[in-house]
Amino acid sequence: MSEYRRAHIPGGAYFFTVKTFERKPVLTHEHYRIALREAITEVRGRLPFDSLAWVLLPDHIHTIWKLPEGDVDYSLRWSLVKQHVTRKCAERTQEVLVSPSRQKRREGTIWQRRFWEHLIRDDRDFRHHIDYIHYNPVKHGYVSKVVDWPYSTFHRFVRNGAYPTD
């Protein structure tokens, strides 16, 4: 089995990519969006973090979280978010034959097992990942202009003067 090494810098800012199982395009459906919003709110209430930027696409999420000083446990936060969404959306998930490995780990069929994480190193790295997050719907062909994608913090960045609308 592979051994994954994750960066654990207390109070760090991290870029994440979280994908759906088999890249099912479900996350932008209203029921999933609501469940995800509830999950983030609930987890943030128990284990605080700041969501600095995000984009929600049909089959994955990109986000940057800033953890509190002295805290490194983003894995627990993601586990709780995924569990919440899985419980809330279980009845809407298509029946899929779940492998023995997924059964053993009590994994459903909404989320991919792992997630990608990257420790933000400096301001330049932060700006690069912010731009990557906001441009992602264009990259994947969902819209031709970033401003046309509704599920992103791009609009908040425009309101705050960080980006022009175009």
C-alpha atoms as a PDB file:
ATOM      1  CA  MET A   1       0.000   0.000   0.000  1.00  0.00           C
ATOM      2  CA  SER A   2       1.216   3.492  -0.800  1.00  0.00           C
ATOM      3  CA  GLU A   3       2.291   5.711   2.014  1.00  0.00           C
ATOM      4  CA  TYR A   4       1.047   9.254   1.505  1.00  0.00           C
ATOM      5  CA  ARG A   5       3.061  12.045   3.019  1.00  0.00           C
ATOM      6  CA  ARG A   6       1.081  15.126   3.833  1.00  0.00           C
ATOM      7  CA  ALA A   7       2.325  18.535   4.875  1.00  0.00           C
ATOM      8  CA  HIS A   8       1.356  19.346   8.441  1.00  0.00           C
ATOM      9  CA  ILE A   9       2.231  22.932   9.283  1.00  0.00           C
ATOM     10  CA  PRO A  10       0.202  24.222  12.249  1.00  0.00           C
ATOM     11  CA  GLY A  11      -1.900  27.214  11.220  1.00  0.00           C
ATOM     12  CA  GLY A  12      -0.992  26.728   7.572  1.00  0.00           C
ATOM     13  CA  ALA A  13      -2.962  27.566   4.464  1.00  0.00           C
ATOM     14  CA  TYR A  14      -3.693  24.584   2.232  1.00  0.00           C
ATOM     15  CA  PHE A  15      -5.023  24.158  -1.289  1.00  0.00           C
ATOM     16  CA  PHE A  16      -7.287  21.111  -1.676  1.00  0.00           C
ATOM     17  CA  THR A  17      -8.835  19.203  -4.529  1.00  0.00           C
ATOM     18  CA  VAL A  18     -11.632  16.850  -3.499  1.00  0.00           C
ATOM     19  CA  LYS A  19     -13.258  14.689  -6.183  1.00  0.00           C
ATOM     20  CA  THR A  20     -16.409  12.650  -6.440  1.00  0.00           C
ATOM     21  CA  PHE A  21     -16.292   8.875  -6.781  1.00  0.00           C
ATOM     22  CA  GLU A  22     -15.774   7.952 -10.442  1.00  0.00           C
ATOM     23  CA  ARG A  23     -16.017  11.689 -11.208  1.00  0.00           C
ATOM     24  CA  LYS A  24     -19.829  11.632 -10.992  1.00  0.00           C
ATOM     25  CA  PRO A  25     -21.109  15.137 -11.862  1.00  0.00           C
ATOM     26  CA  VAL A  26     -23.418  15.633  -8.882  1.00  0.00           C
ATOM     27  CA  LEU A  27     -21.969  18.401  -6.705  1.00  0.00           C
ATOM     28  CA  THR A  28     -23.667  21.317  -8.463  1.00  0.00           C
ATOM     29  CA  HIS A  29     -27.132  19.757  -8.036  1.00  0.00           C
ATOM     30  CA  GLU A  30     -29.080  21.724  -5.461  1.00  0.00           C
ATOM     31  CA  HIS A  31     -29.406  18.927  -2.897  1.00  0.00           C
ATOM     32  CA  TYR A  32     -25.639  18.296  -2.900  1.00  0.00           C
ATOM     33  CA  ARG A  33     -24.798  22.018  -2.769  1.00  0.00           C
ATOM     34  CA  ILE A  34     -27.051  22.490   0.238  1.00  0.00           C
ATOM     35  CA  ALA A  35     -25.625  19.425   1.988  1.00  0.00           C
ATOM     36  CA  LEU A  36     -22.083  20.614   1.315  1.00  0.00           C
ATOM     37  CA  ARG A  37     -22.846  24.104   2.634  1.00  0.00           C
ATOM     38  CA  GLU A  38     -24.389  22.589   5.778  1.00  0.00           C
ATOM     39  CA  ALA A  39     -21.395  20.296   6.211  1.00  0.00           C
ATOM     40  CA  ILE A  40     -18.871  23.124   5.950  1.00  0.00           C
ATOM     41  CA  THR A  41     -20.870  25.244   8.413  1.00  0.00           C
ATOM     42  CA  GLU A  42     -21.226  22.361  10.877  1.00  0.00           C
ATOM     43  CA  VAL A  43     -17.572  21.322  10.696  1.00  0.00           C
ATOM     44  CA  ARG A  44     -16.357  24.931  10.910  1.00  0.00           C
ATOM     45  CA  GLY A  45     -18.453  25.317  14.064  1.00  0.00           C
ATOM     46  CA  ARG A  46     -16.716  22.356  15.701  1.00  0.00           C
ATOM     47  CA  LEU A  47     -13.250  22.700  14.165  1.00  0.00           C
ATOM     48  CA  PRO A  48     -12.693  26.279  12.959  1.00  0.00           C
ATOM     49  CA  PHE A  49     -10.974  27.186   9.704  1.00  0.00           C
ATOM     50  CA  ASP A  50     -11.178  30.019   7.194  1.00  0.00           C
ATOM     51  CA  SER A  51     -12.203  29.235   3.639  1.00  0.00           C
ATOM     52  CA  LEU A  52     -10.150  31.741   1.664  1.00  0.00           C
ATOM     53  CA  ALA A  53     -11.258  30.718  -1.835  1.00  0.00           C
ATOM     54  CA  TRP A  54     -13.227  27.925  -3.484  1.00  0.00           C
ATOM     55  CA  VAL A  55     -14.907  26.717  -6.607  1.00  0.00           C
ATOM     56  CA  LEU A  56     -17.522  24.000  -6.819  1.00  0.00           C
ATOM     57  CA  LEU A  57     -17.626  22.029 -10.064  1.00  0.00           C
ATOM     58  CA  PRO A  58     -19.909  19.107 -10.899  1.00  0.00           C
ATOM     59  CA  ASP A  59     -17.316  16.476 -10.004  1.00  0.00           C
ATOM     60  CA  HIS A  60     -14.758  18.214  -7.791  1.00  0.00           C
ATOM     61  CA  ILE A  61     -13.999  21.059  -5.425  1.00  0.00           C
ATOM     62  CA  HIS A  62     -10.931  23.277  -5.205  1.00  0.00           C
ATOM     63  CA  THR A  63     -10.500  25.331  -2.074  1.00  0.00           C
ATOM     64  CA  ILE A  64      -7.936  27.024   0.142  1.00  0.00           C
ATOM     65  CA  TRP A  65      -8.352  26.674   3.879  1.00  0.00           C
ATOM     66  CA  LYS A  66      -6.423  28.504   6.585  1.00  0.00           C
ATOM     67  CA  LEU A  67      -6.260  26.538   9.815  1.00  0.00           C
ATOM     68  CA  PRO A  68      -6.033  28.090  13.282  1.00  0.00           C
ATOM     69  CA  GLU A  69      -2.615  28.519  14.864  1.00  0.00           C
ATOM     70  CA  GLY A  70      -1.412  25.241  16.328  1.00  0.00           C
ATOM     71  CA  ASP A  71      -3.902  23.145  14.322  1.00  0.00           C
ATOM     72  CA  VAL A  72      -2.985  20.738  11.501  1.00  0.00           C
ATOM     73  CA  ASP A  73      -5.986  18.409  11.329  1.00  0.00           C
ATOM     74  CA  TYR A  74      -7.485  19.148   7.924  1.00  0.00           C
ATOM     75  CA  SER A  75      -7.960  15.408   7.308  1.00  0.00           C
ATOM     76  CA  LEU A  76     -10.504  15.153  10.123  1.00  0.00           C
ATOM     77  CA  ARG A  77     -12.330  18.185   8.769  1.00  0.00           C
ATOM     78  CA  TRP A  78     -12.565  16.665   5.289  1.00  0.00           C
ATOM     79  CA  SER A  79     -13.665  13.335   6.726  1.00  0.00           C
ATOM     80  CA  LEU A  80     -16.492  15.022   8.629  1.00  0.00           C
ATOM     81  CA  VAL A  81     -17.548  17.082   5.585  1.00  0.00           C
ATOM     82  CA  LYS A  82     -17.657  13.985   3.395  1.00  0.00           C
ATOM     83  CA  GLN A  83     -19.574  11.999   6.022  1.00  0.00           C
ATOM     84  CA  HIS A  84     -22.195  14.725   6.376  1.00  0.00           C
ATOM     85  CA  VAL A  85     -22.773  15.032   2.624  1.00  0.00           C
ATOM     86  CA  THR A  86     -22.885  11.249   2.258  1.00  0.00           C
ATOM     87  CA  ARG A  87     -25.553  10.948   4.970  1.00  0.00           C
ATOM     88  CA  LYS A  88     -27.643  13.803   3.572  1.00  0.00           C
ATOM     89  CA  CYS A  89     -27.452  12.639  -0.039  1.00  0.00           C
ATOM     90  CA  ALA A  90     -27.478   8.845   0.391  1.00  0.00           C
ATOM     91  CA  GLU A  91     -31.000   8.448  -0.971  1.00  0.00           C
ATOM     92  CA  ARG A  92     -30.063  10.398  -4.118  1.00  0.00           C
ATOM     93  CA  THR A  93     -26.969   8.347  -4.867  1.00  0.00           C
ATOM     94  CA  GLN A  94     -27.296   5.762  -7.586  1.00  0.00           C
ATOM     95  CA  GLU A  95     -26.814   2.213  -6.464  1.00  0.00           C
ATOM     96  CA  VAL A  96     -23.325   1.193  -7.481  1.00  0.00           C
ATOM     97  CA  LEU A  97     -21.594  -2.049  -6.691  1.00  0.00           C
ATOM     98  CA  VAL A  98     -19.224  -1.101  -3.892  1.00  0.00           C
ATOM     99  CA  SER A  99     -15.911  -2.928  -3.819  1.00  0.00           C
ATOM    100  CA  PRO A 100     -14.945  -4.978  -0.756  1.00  0.00           C
ATOM    101  CA  SER A 101     -12.244  -2.392  -0.067  1.00  0.00           C
ATOM    102  CA  ARG A 102     -14.806   0.453   0.035  1.00  0.00           C
ATOM    103  CA  GLN A 103     -17.155  -1.703   2.146  1.00  0.00           C
ATOM    104  CA  LYS A 104     -14.358  -2.442   4.620  1.00  0.00           C
ATOM    105  CA  ARG A 105     -13.656   1.283   4.996  1.00  0.00           C
ATOM    106  CA  ARG A 106     -17.398   2.072   5.160  1.00  0.00           C
ATOM    107  CA  GLU A 107     -17.074   4.361   2.145  1.00  0.00           C
ATOM    108  CA  GLY A 108     -20.060   5.381   0.105  1.00  0.00           C
ATOM    109  CA  THR A 109     -20.247   6.197  -3.572  1.00  0.00           C
ATOM    110  CA  ILE A 110     -20.203   9.994  -3.480  1.00  0.00           C
ATOM    111  CA  TRP A 111     -16.564  10.796  -2.720  1.00  0.00           C
ATOM    112  CA  GLN A 112     -13.220   9.622  -3.969  1.00  0.00           C
ATOM    113  CA  ARG A 113     -11.264   8.039  -1.111  1.00  0.00           C
ATOM    114  CA  ARG A 114      -8.474  10.568  -0.843  1.00  0.00           C
ATOM    115  CA  PHE A 115      -7.950  14.236  -1.609  1.00  0.00           C
ATOM    116  CA  TRP A 116      -5.102  16.317  -2.951  1.00  0.00           C
ATOM    117  CA  GLU A 117      -3.495  18.806  -0.600  1.00  0.00           C
ATOM    118  CA  HIS A 118      -0.792  21.400  -1.167  1.00  0.00           C
ATOM    119  CA  LEU A 119       0.722  23.640   1.488  1.00  0.00           C
ATOM    120  CA  ILE A 120       0.650  27.261   0.337  1.00  0.00           C
ATOM    121  CA  ARG A 121       4.265  28.399   0.555  1.00  0.00           C
ATOM    122  CA  ASP A 122       4.128  32.170   0.059  1.00  0.00           C
ATOM    123  CA  ASP A 123       2.080  35.062  -1.361  1.00  0.00           C
ATOM    124  CA  ARG A 124       3.012  34.220  -4.957  1.00  0.00           C
ATOM    125  CA  ASP A 125       1.916  30.593  -4.484  1.00  0.00           C
ATOM    126  CA  PHE A 126      -1.293  31.815  -2.834  1.00  0.00           C
ATOM    127  CA  ARG A 127      -2.141  34.153  -5.752  1.00  0.00           C
ATOM    128  CA  HIS A 128      -1.358  31.399  -8.270  1.00  0.00           C
ATOM    129  CA  HIS A 129      -3.754  28.977  -6.548  1.00  0.00           C
ATOM    130  CA  ILE A 130      -6.472  31.628  -6.195  1.00  0.00           C
ATOM    131  CA  ASP A 131      -6.292  32.267  -9.949  1.00  0.00           C
ATOM    132  CA  TYR A 132      -6.270  28.519 -10.647  1.00  0.00           C
ATOM    133  CA  ILE A 133      -9.391  28.040  -8.515  1.00  0.00           C
ATOM    134  CA  HIS A 134     -11.317  30.830 -10.176  1.00  0.00           C
ATOM    135  CA  TYR A 135     -10.302  29.918 -13.748  1.00  0.00           C
ATOM    136  CA  ASN A 136     -11.131  26.218 -13.327  1.00  0.00           C
ATOM    137  CA  PRO A 137     -14.722  26.366 -14.705  1.00  0.00           C
ATOM    138  CA  VAL A 138     -13.339  27.919 -17.911  1.00  0.00           C
ATOM    139  CA  LYS A 139     -10.545  25.336 -18.092  1.00  0.00           C
ATOM    140  CA  HIS A 140     -13.110  22.527 -17.949  1.00  0.00           C
ATOM    141  CA  GLY A 141     -15.384  24.171 -20.521  1.00  0.00           C
ATOM    142  CA  TYR A 142     -18.374  24.882 -18.252  1.00  0.00           C
ATOM    143  CA  VAL A 143     -18.314  28.600 -19.120  1.00  0.00           C
ATOM    144  CA  SER A 144     -16.336  30.857 -21.438  1.00  0.00           C
ATOM    145  CA  LYS A 145     -15.801  33.595 -18.809  1.00  0.00           C
ATOM    146  CA  VAL A 146     -15.003  33.177 -15.108  1.00  0.00           C
ATOM    147  CA  VAL A 147     -17.717  35.657 -14.160  1.00  0.00           C
ATOM    148  CA  ASP A 148     -20.386  33.338 -15.601  1.00  0.00           C
ATOM    149  CA  TRP A 149     -19.740  30.496 -13.113  1.00  0.00           C
ATOM    150  CA  PRO A 150     -21.979  30.960 -10.043  1.00  0.00           C
ATOM    151  CA  TYR A 151     -20.299  28.505  -7.625  1.00  0.00           C
ATOM    152  CA  SER A 152     -17.092  30.307  -6.811  1.00  0.00           C
ATOM    153  CA  THR A 153     -15.579  32.960  -4.577  1.00  0.00           C
ATOM    154  CA  PHE A 154     -14.634  34.896  -7.717  1.00  0.00           C
ATOM    155  CA  HIS A 155     -17.699  37.088  -7.189  1.00  0.00           C
ATOM    156  CA  ARG A 156     -16.630  37.884  -3.613  1.00  0.00           C
ATOM    157  CA  PHE A 157     -13.145  38.793  -4.878  1.00  0.00           C
ATOM    158  CA  VAL A 158     -14.708  41.160  -7.446  1.00  0.00           C
ATOM    159  CA  ARG A 159     -16.878  42.813  -4.758  1.00  0.00           C
ATOM    160  CA  ASN A 160     -13.758  43.279  -2.588  1.00  0.00           C
ATOM    161  CA  GLY A 161     -11.825  44.851  -5.468  1.00  0.00           C
ATOM    162  CA  ALA A 162      -9.295  42.027  -5.893  1.00  0.00           C
ATOM    163  CA  TYR A 163     -10.426  41.264  -9.461  1.00  0.00           C
ATOM    164  CA  PRO A 164     -12.118  43.207 -12.237  1.00  0.00           C
ATOM    165  CA  THR A 165     -15.344  41.578 -13.463  1.00  0.00           C
ATOM    166  CA  ASP A 166     -13.674  40.686 -16.758  1.00  0.00           C
END
